[in-house]
Amino acid sequence: MEFLVLEVDNARFGIPTVDVREVVRAVSLGDAPAQFPNMLGMLNYRGQVLGVLESAFLRGRSHRELSPHEHLIILQVEGQLFALRVDQAIEIMTWTDDDERTDTPGSVEEPDDALKTVADPRFGMVRLLDAGRLLSELHLEQSHQPTQEVEAS
């Protein structure tokens, strides 16, 4: 299976290439709805408005300012497009069942978003991500955020 290797805060992650539509340079984003804490902003991608997931949560960190040197990974899961902000997309890696790997337990520092961790001689330890789980993180609302109803006038 092929994975796109990504870098986030000096850590390496891999996402299946079957879920990757495109890699683009970071651009200005529209404001994200306040009730979605993992959403960095909204991206106009070829006429579609996509939510952009802040990848810093993968390392237990908060939002940081978007830099034009970073990448946005356009992903498609179950027909739904969204973007993942990363420091950089590095290279395509092929992983097989024979490659060395370890299971990754979840914790505050290592969230339960990885399927496996693969040791690669070029990249070191690469945590393989599940794009479906990333999509669910994008739409995870703050539980304490009150719902506001707007009356028509």
N, C-alpha and C. Protein backbone atom coordinates (compact mmCIF):
# COMPACT_ATOMS: atom_id res chain seq x y z
N MET A 1 0.84 -1.17 0.00
CA MET A 1 0.00 0.00 0.00
C MET A 1 0.89 1.24 0.00
N GLU A 2 0.46 2.29 -0.72
CA GLU A 2 1.24 3.51 -0.79
C GLU A 2 0.68 4.56 0.16
N PHE A 3 1.60 5.32 0.77
CA PHE A 3 1.25 6.39 1.69
C PHE A 3 2.00 7.65 1.29
N LEU A 4 1.34 8.79 1.44
CA LEU A 4 2.01 10.08 1.31
C LEU A 4 2.58 10.42 2.68
N VAL A 5 3.90 10.60 2.76
CA VAL A 5 4.56 10.92 4.02
C VAL A 5 4.46 12.43 4.23
N LEU A 6 4.00 12.82 5.42
CA LEU A 6 3.77 14.20 5.80
C LEU A 6 4.62 14.54 7.02
N GLU A 7 4.96 15.80 7.16
CA GLU A 7 5.66 16.24 8.36
C GLU A 7 4.80 17.25 9.10
N VAL A 8 4.64 17.02 10.43
CA VAL A 8 3.91 17.92 11.31
C VAL A 8 4.75 18.08 12.57
N ASP A 9 5.23 19.29 12.84
CA ASP A 9 6.03 19.55 14.05
C ASP A 9 7.17 18.55 14.21
N ASN A 10 7.92 18.31 13.15
CA ASN A 10 9.08 17.40 13.13
C ASN A 10 8.74 15.93 13.36
N ALA A 11 7.48 15.57 13.26
CA ALA A 11 7.06 14.16 13.33
C ALA A 11 6.55 13.76 11.94
N ARG A 12 6.69 12.48 11.61
CA ARG A 12 6.29 11.97 10.30
C ARG A 12 4.99 11.18 10.41
N PHE A 13 4.11 11.43 9.48
CA PHE A 13 2.83 10.73 9.39
C PHE A 13 2.66 10.26 7.95
N GLY A 14 1.86 9.23 7.77
CA GLY A 14 1.56 8.74 6.44
C GLY A 14 0.05 8.64 6.26
N ILE A 15 -0.42 9.01 5.09
CA ILE A 15 -1.85 8.90 4.78
C ILE A 15 -1.98 8.13 3.47
N PRO A 16 -2.91 7.17 3.39
CA PRO A 16 -3.03 6.38 2.16
C PRO A 16 -3.25 7.26 0.93
N THR A 17 -2.49 6.99 -0.11
CA THR A 17 -2.59 7.80 -1.33
C THR A 17 -3.95 7.66 -2.00
N VAL A 18 -4.68 6.58 -1.74
CA VAL A 18 -6.02 6.43 -2.32
C VAL A 18 -6.97 7.51 -1.80
N ASP A 19 -6.66 8.11 -0.64
CA ASP A 19 -7.50 9.16 -0.06
C ASP A 19 -7.04 10.56 -0.47
N VAL A 20 -5.86 10.67 -1.09
CA VAL A 20 -5.29 11.97 -1.45
C VAL A 20 -5.72 12.36 -2.85
N ARG A 21 -6.34 13.55 -2.95
CA ARG A 21 -6.73 14.07 -4.27
C ARG A 21 -5.66 14.98 -4.85
N GLU A 22 -5.04 15.82 -3.97
CA GLU A 22 -4.08 16.80 -4.45
C GLU A 22 -3.31 17.37 -3.26
N VAL A 23 -2.11 17.85 -3.54
CA VAL A 23 -1.31 18.59 -2.56
C VAL A 23 -1.16 20.00 -3.10
N VAL A 24 -1.56 21.00 -2.29
CA VAL A 24 -1.47 22.40 -2.71
C VAL A 24 -0.72 23.21 -1.67
N ARG A 25 -0.13 24.30 -2.11
CA ARG A 25 0.52 25.24 -1.18
C ARG A 25 -0.56 25.92 -0.34
N ALA A 26 -0.21 26.24 0.89
CA ALA A 26 -1.14 26.92 1.78
C ALA A 26 -1.51 28.28 1.21
N VAL A 27 -2.77 28.63 1.33
CA VAL A 27 -3.30 29.91 0.87
C VAL A 27 -4.15 30.51 1.98
N SER A 28 -4.59 31.72 1.80
CA SER A 28 -5.47 32.36 2.78
C SER A 28 -6.75 31.55 2.93
N LEU A 29 -7.21 31.46 4.17
CA LEU A 29 -8.42 30.70 4.47
C LEU A 29 -9.50 31.62 5.02
N GLY A 30 -10.75 31.23 4.79
CA GLY A 30 -11.86 31.92 5.43
C GLY A 30 -11.98 31.45 6.87
N ASP A 31 -12.75 32.17 7.66
CA ASP A 31 -12.92 31.82 9.07
C ASP A 31 -13.66 30.50 9.23
N ALA A 32 -13.25 29.73 10.24
CA ALA A 32 -13.91 28.47 10.57
C ALA A 32 -15.05 28.73 11.55
N PRO A 33 -16.11 27.93 11.49
CA PRO A 33 -17.17 28.06 12.49
C PRO A 33 -16.58 27.79 13.88
N ALA A 34 -16.94 28.60 14.86
CA ALA A 34 -16.36 28.54 16.20
C ALA A 34 -16.62 27.20 16.90
N GLN A 35 -17.68 26.51 16.56
CA GLN A 35 -18.01 25.26 17.27
C GLN A 35 -17.13 24.08 16.85
N PHE A 36 -16.27 24.26 15.86
CA PHE A 36 -15.40 23.18 15.41
C PHE A 36 -13.94 23.52 15.77
N PRO A 37 -13.47 23.09 16.93
CA PRO A 37 -12.15 23.51 17.42
C PRO A 37 -10.96 22.99 16.61
N ASN A 38 -11.10 21.88 15.89
CA ASN A 38 -9.99 21.34 15.11
C ASN A 38 -9.95 21.89 13.69
N MET A 39 -10.93 22.72 13.35
CA MET A 39 -10.98 23.29 12.00
C MET A 39 -10.18 24.60 11.99
N LEU A 40 -9.21 24.67 11.10
CA LEU A 40 -8.37 25.86 10.97
C LEU A 40 -9.08 26.98 10.21
N GLY A 41 -9.84 26.61 9.21
CA GLY A 41 -10.55 27.59 8.39
C GLY A 41 -11.24 26.92 7.23
N MET A 42 -11.71 27.74 6.31
CA MET A 42 -12.43 27.25 5.14
C MET A 42 -11.62 27.60 3.89
N LEU A 43 -11.52 26.64 2.97
CA LEU A 43 -10.73 26.78 1.75
C LEU A 43 -11.65 26.77 0.54
N ASN A 44 -11.44 27.72 -0.37
CA ASN A 44 -12.12 27.69 -1.66
C ASN A 44 -11.26 26.84 -2.58
N TYR A 45 -11.71 25.62 -2.83
CA TYR A 45 -10.97 24.66 -3.66
C TYR A 45 -11.77 24.38 -4.92
N ARG A 46 -11.35 24.97 -6.02
CA ARG A 46 -11.99 24.77 -7.32
C ARG A 46 -13.51 25.00 -7.27
N GLY A 47 -13.88 26.07 -6.54
CA GLY A 47 -15.28 26.44 -6.44
C GLY A 47 -16.05 25.75 -5.32
N GLN A 48 -15.43 24.83 -4.61
CA GLN A 48 -16.06 24.17 -3.47
C GLN A 48 -15.45 24.70 -2.19
N VAL A 49 -16.27 24.86 -1.15
CA VAL A 49 -15.78 25.31 0.15
C VAL A 49 -15.50 24.07 0.99
N LEU A 50 -14.21 23.94 1.40
CA LEU A 50 -13.79 22.78 2.18
C LEU A 50 -13.33 23.21 3.56
N GLY A 51 -13.63 22.39 4.56
CA GLY A 51 -13.07 22.60 5.88
C GLY A 51 -11.61 22.16 5.88
N VAL A 52 -10.76 22.90 6.61
CA VAL A 52 -9.34 22.58 6.71
C VAL A 52 -9.05 22.15 8.15
N LEU A 53 -8.59 20.92 8.29
CA LEU A 53 -8.28 20.35 9.60
C LEU A 53 -6.90 20.82 10.05
N GLU A 54 -6.81 21.31 11.27
CA GLU A 54 -5.53 21.73 11.85
C GLU A 54 -4.78 20.49 12.30
N SER A 55 -3.64 20.22 11.69
CA SER A 55 -2.88 19.00 12.00
C SER A 55 -2.15 19.07 13.33
N ALA A 56 -2.04 20.25 13.94
CA ALA A 56 -1.33 20.37 15.21
C ALA A 56 -1.95 19.49 16.29
N PHE A 57 -3.25 19.17 16.17
CA PHE A 57 -3.89 18.31 17.17
C PHE A 57 -3.28 16.92 17.18
N LEU A 58 -2.66 16.50 16.07
CA LEU A 58 -1.99 15.19 16.01
C LEU A 58 -0.83 15.12 17.00
N ARG A 59 -0.27 16.26 17.34
CA ARG A 59 0.87 16.35 18.26
C ARG A 59 0.45 16.94 19.60
N GLY A 60 -0.88 17.08 19.84
CA GLY A 60 -1.36 17.62 21.10
C GLY A 60 -1.13 19.12 21.22
N ARG A 61 -1.05 19.81 20.10
CA ARG A 61 -0.77 21.25 20.12
C ARG A 61 -1.98 22.03 19.60
N SER A 62 -1.96 23.32 19.84
CA SER A 62 -3.06 24.17 19.38
C SER A 62 -2.74 24.78 18.01
N HIS A 63 -3.71 25.55 17.51
CA HIS A 63 -3.55 26.20 16.20
C HIS A 63 -2.32 27.10 16.16
N ARG A 64 -1.71 27.18 14.99
CA ARG A 64 -0.64 28.16 14.77
C ARG A 64 -0.95 28.90 13.47
N GLU A 65 -0.26 29.98 13.28
CA GLU A 65 -0.49 30.78 12.08
C GLU A 65 -0.08 30.00 10.83
N LEU A 66 -0.88 30.13 9.79
CA LEU A 66 -0.62 29.44 8.52
C LEU A 66 0.52 30.13 7.79
N SER A 67 1.45 29.34 7.28
CA SER A 67 2.60 29.86 6.54
C SER A 67 2.47 29.48 5.07
N PRO A 68 2.88 30.34 4.15
CA PRO A 68 2.79 30.00 2.72
C PRO A 68 3.72 28.85 2.32
N HIS A 69 4.64 28.46 3.20
CA HIS A 69 5.55 27.36 2.90
C HIS A 69 4.94 26.00 3.26
N GLU A 70 3.79 26.01 3.92
CA GLU A 70 3.14 24.76 4.32
C GLU A 70 2.28 24.22 3.17
N HIS A 71 1.80 22.99 3.37
CA HIS A 71 0.95 22.36 2.37
C HIS A 71 -0.44 22.08 2.93
N LEU A 72 -1.40 22.06 2.04
CA LEU A 72 -2.74 21.59 2.34
C LEU A 72 -2.93 20.32 1.53
N ILE A 73 -3.26 19.24 2.21
CA ILE A 73 -3.50 17.96 1.55
C ILE A 73 -5.00 17.83 1.34
N ILE A 74 -5.42 17.79 0.10
CA ILE A 74 -6.85 17.64 -0.22
C ILE A 74 -7.16 16.15 -0.18
N LEU A 75 -8.07 15.79 0.70
CA LEU A 75 -8.43 14.39 0.90
C LEU A 75 -9.89 14.16 0.52
N GLN A 76 -10.19 12.93 0.10
CA GLN A 76 -11.57 12.56 -0.18
C GLN A 76 -11.86 11.25 0.52
N VAL A 77 -12.87 11.29 1.41
CA VAL A 77 -13.29 10.11 2.16
C VAL A 77 -14.79 9.97 2.00
N GLU A 78 -15.22 8.81 1.54
CA GLU A 78 -16.65 8.54 1.34
C GLU A 78 -17.33 9.66 0.55
N GLY A 79 -16.65 10.15 -0.48
CA GLY A 79 -17.20 11.17 -1.35
C GLY A 79 -17.11 12.59 -0.81
N GLN A 80 -16.61 12.75 0.41
CA GLN A 80 -16.52 14.08 1.00
C GLN A 80 -15.09 14.61 0.93
N LEU A 81 -14.94 15.82 0.40
CA LEU A 81 -13.63 16.47 0.31
C LEU A 81 -13.37 17.32 1.54
N PHE A 82 -12.13 17.31 2.02
CA PHE A 82 -11.67 18.20 3.07
C PHE A 82 -10.17 18.33 2.94
N ALA A 83 -9.57 19.25 3.70
CA ALA A 83 -8.14 19.50 3.60
C ALA A 83 -7.48 19.30 4.96
N LEU A 84 -6.22 18.88 4.93
CA LEU A 84 -5.40 18.72 6.12
C LEU A 84 -4.20 19.63 5.98
N ARG A 85 -3.98 20.50 6.95
CA ARG A 85 -2.83 21.40 6.93
C ARG A 85 -1.62 20.67 7.52
N VAL A 86 -0.50 20.67 6.81
CA VAL A 86 0.73 20.02 7.28
C VAL A 86 1.92 20.95 7.02
N ASP A 87 3.02 20.72 7.72
CA ASP A 87 4.22 21.51 7.47
C ASP A 87 4.71 21.27 6.04
N GLN A 88 4.76 19.98 5.66
CA GLN A 88 5.13 19.68 4.29
C GLN A 88 4.76 18.25 3.93
N ALA A 89 4.46 18.06 2.65
CA ALA A 89 4.30 16.72 2.09
C ALA A 89 5.68 16.34 1.58
N ILE A 90 6.15 15.14 1.96
CA ILE A 90 7.53 14.79 1.67
C ILE A 90 7.68 13.89 0.45
N GLU A 91 7.06 12.72 0.51
CA GLU A 91 7.30 11.73 -0.55
C GLU A 91 6.28 10.60 -0.41
N ILE A 92 6.18 9.80 -1.46
CA ILE A 92 5.34 8.59 -1.43
C ILE A 92 6.18 7.44 -0.88
N MET A 93 5.61 6.69 0.07
CA MET A 93 6.27 5.53 0.68
C MET A 93 5.39 4.31 0.42
N THR A 94 6.00 3.21 0.05
CA THR A 94 5.27 1.95 -0.10
C THR A 94 5.49 1.11 1.14
N TRP A 95 4.41 0.65 1.72
CA TRP A 95 4.46 -0.16 2.94
C TRP A 95 3.82 -1.51 2.65
N THR A 96 4.47 -2.57 3.11
CA THR A 96 3.92 -3.92 2.96
C THR A 96 3.79 -4.55 4.32
N ASP A 97 3.08 -5.66 4.41
CA ASP A 97 2.91 -6.36 5.68
C ASP A 97 4.22 -6.87 6.25
N ASP A 98 5.25 -6.99 5.41
CA ASP A 98 6.55 -7.48 5.88
C ASP A 98 7.39 -6.39 6.53
N ASP A 99 7.00 -5.10 6.34
CA ASP A 99 7.77 -4.01 6.94
C ASP A 99 7.60 -4.01 8.45
N GLU A 100 8.65 -3.54 9.14
CA GLU A 100 8.62 -3.47 10.60
C GLU A 100 7.58 -2.47 11.04
N ARG A 101 6.79 -2.83 12.06
CA ARG A 101 5.76 -1.92 12.55
C ARG A 101 5.44 -2.24 14.00
N THR A 102 4.83 -1.29 14.66
CA THR A 102 4.37 -1.48 16.03
C THR A 102 2.98 -0.90 16.14
N ASP A 103 2.19 -1.40 17.07
CA ASP A 103 0.88 -0.81 17.33
C ASP A 103 1.08 0.49 18.09
N THR A 104 0.23 1.45 17.86
CA THR A 104 0.34 2.75 18.51
C THR A 104 -0.81 2.94 19.48
N PRO A 105 -0.56 2.90 20.79
CA PRO A 105 -1.64 3.15 21.75
C PRO A 105 -1.99 4.63 21.78
N GLY A 106 -3.23 4.96 22.13
CA GLY A 106 -3.64 6.36 22.23
C GLY A 106 -3.31 6.95 23.58
N SER A 107 -3.02 8.23 23.60
CA SER A 107 -2.78 8.98 24.83
C SER A 107 -2.86 10.45 24.47
N VAL A 108 -2.61 11.32 25.43
CA VAL A 108 -2.66 12.75 25.14
C VAL A 108 -1.59 13.13 24.13
N GLU A 109 -0.37 12.66 24.33
CA GLU A 109 0.71 12.99 23.40
C GLU A 109 0.61 12.22 22.08
N GLU A 110 0.09 11.01 22.13
CA GLU A 110 -0.06 10.19 20.93
C GLU A 110 -1.53 9.83 20.76
N PRO A 111 -2.34 10.69 20.14
CA PRO A 111 -3.77 10.42 20.00
C PRO A 111 -4.04 9.15 19.22
N ASP A 112 -5.21 8.58 19.46
CA ASP A 112 -5.58 7.32 18.84
C ASP A 112 -6.09 7.56 17.42
N ASP A 113 -5.27 8.16 16.57
CA ASP A 113 -5.65 8.43 15.20
C ASP A 113 -4.82 7.62 14.22
N ALA A 114 -3.88 6.85 14.75
CA ALA A 114 -2.97 6.10 13.90
C ALA A 114 -3.39 4.65 13.85
N LEU A 115 -3.17 4.03 12.70
CA LEU A 115 -3.42 2.61 12.55
C LEU A 115 -2.21 1.82 13.05
N LYS A 116 -1.03 2.22 12.60
CA LYS A 116 0.22 1.53 12.93
C LYS A 116 1.35 2.54 12.84
N THR A 117 2.48 2.18 13.39
CA THR A 117 3.68 2.97 13.19
C THR A 117 4.67 2.11 12.45
N VAL A 118 5.23 2.64 11.37
CA VAL A 118 6.14 1.91 10.51
C VAL A 118 7.54 2.50 10.65
N ALA A 119 8.54 1.65 10.80
CA ALA A 119 9.94 2.10 10.80
C ALA A 119 10.43 2.07 9.36
N ASP A 120 10.85 3.24 8.87
CA ASP A 120 11.34 3.35 7.51
C ASP A 120 12.76 3.91 7.56
N PRO A 121 13.71 3.29 6.84
CA PRO A 121 15.11 3.75 6.91
C PRO A 121 15.30 5.20 6.44
N ARG A 122 14.46 5.68 5.53
CA ARG A 122 14.61 7.06 5.05
C ARG A 122 13.93 8.08 5.95
N PHE A 123 12.78 7.72 6.52
CA PHE A 123 11.95 8.68 7.23
C PHE A 123 11.92 8.47 8.75
N GLY A 124 12.47 7.36 9.24
CA GLY A 124 12.35 7.05 10.67
C GLY A 124 10.98 6.45 10.95
N MET A 125 10.42 6.79 12.11
CA MET A 125 9.10 6.27 12.48
C MET A 125 8.02 7.10 11.79
N VAL A 126 7.11 6.41 11.09
CA VAL A 126 6.02 7.07 10.38
C VAL A 126 4.72 6.50 10.91
N ARG A 127 3.89 7.38 11.48
CA ARG A 127 2.57 6.96 11.98
C ARG A 127 1.58 7.00 10.84
N LEU A 128 0.96 5.86 10.55
CA LEU A 128 0.00 5.76 9.45
C LEU A 128 -1.37 6.21 9.95
N LEU A 129 -1.96 7.16 9.25
CA LEU A 129 -3.23 7.76 9.66
C LEU A 129 -4.40 7.18 8.88
N ASP A 130 -5.56 7.26 9.48
CA ASP A 130 -6.82 6.85 8.88
C ASP A 130 -7.56 8.12 8.47
N ALA A 131 -7.76 8.35 7.18
CA ALA A 131 -8.40 9.57 6.69
C ALA A 131 -9.84 9.69 7.20
N GLY A 132 -10.53 8.57 7.39
CA GLY A 132 -11.89 8.61 7.93
C GLY A 132 -11.92 9.17 9.34
N ARG A 133 -10.94 8.80 10.15
CA ARG A 133 -10.85 9.36 11.51
C ARG A 133 -10.54 10.84 11.47
N LEU A 134 -9.69 11.25 10.53
CA LEU A 134 -9.39 12.67 10.39
C LEU A 134 -10.65 13.45 10.03
N LEU A 135 -11.46 12.91 9.13
CA LEU A 135 -12.70 13.57 8.75
C LEU A 135 -13.62 13.73 9.95
N SER A 136 -13.70 12.71 10.80
CA SER A 136 -14.55 12.81 11.99
C SER A 136 -14.01 13.86 12.96
N GLU A 137 -12.69 14.04 13.04
CA GLU A 137 -12.09 15.09 13.88
C GLU A 137 -12.46 16.47 13.37
N LEU A 138 -12.54 16.62 12.06
CA LEU A 138 -12.88 17.91 11.47
C LEU A 138 -14.26 18.36 11.92
N HIS A 139 -15.19 17.43 12.03
CA HIS A 139 -16.58 17.76 12.35
C HIS A 139 -16.92 17.57 13.82
N LEU A 140 -15.91 17.33 14.66
CA LEU A 140 -16.13 17.16 16.08
C LEU A 140 -16.41 18.53 16.70
N GLU A 141 -17.61 18.68 17.25
CA GLU A 141 -17.98 19.95 17.84
C GLU A 141 -17.57 20.01 19.30
N GLN A 142 -17.40 21.23 19.81
CA GLN A 142 -17.17 21.40 21.24
C GLN A 142 -18.46 21.04 21.95
N SER A 143 -18.39 20.14 22.93
CA SER A 143 -19.60 19.69 23.61
C SER A 143 -20.20 20.79 24.48
N HIS A 144 -19.38 21.72 24.94
CA HIS A 144 -19.90 22.78 25.80
C HIS A 144 -20.37 24.01 25.02
N GLN A 145 -20.26 23.99 23.72
CA GLN A 145 -20.66 25.13 22.90
C GLN A 145 -22.18 25.15 22.78
N PRO A 146 -22.85 26.21 23.26
CA PRO A 146 -24.31 26.26 23.14
C PRO A 146 -24.74 26.45 21.70
N THR A 147 -25.86 25.91 21.36
CA THR A 147 -26.43 26.08 20.02
C THR A 147 -27.22 27.39 20.02
N GLN A 148 -26.99 28.21 19.03
CA GLN A 148 -27.70 29.47 18.92
C GLN A 148 -28.73 29.35 17.83
N GLU A 149 -29.95 29.80 18.15
CA GLU A 149 -30.99 29.83 17.15
C GLU A 149 -31.18 31.27 16.71
N VAL A 150 -31.33 31.47 15.44
CA VAL A 150 -31.53 32.80 14.89
C VAL A 150 -32.96 32.91 14.41
N GLU A 151 -33.66 33.96 14.89
CA GLU A 151 -35.03 34.17 14.48
C GLU A 151 -35.06 35.04 13.23
N ALA A 152 -35.93 34.70 12.32
CA ALA A 152 -36.10 35.53 11.13
C ALA A 152 -36.87 36.78 11.51
N SER A 153 -36.45 37.92 10.97
CA SER A 153 -37.17 39.16 11.30
C SER A 153 -37.87 39.73 10.10
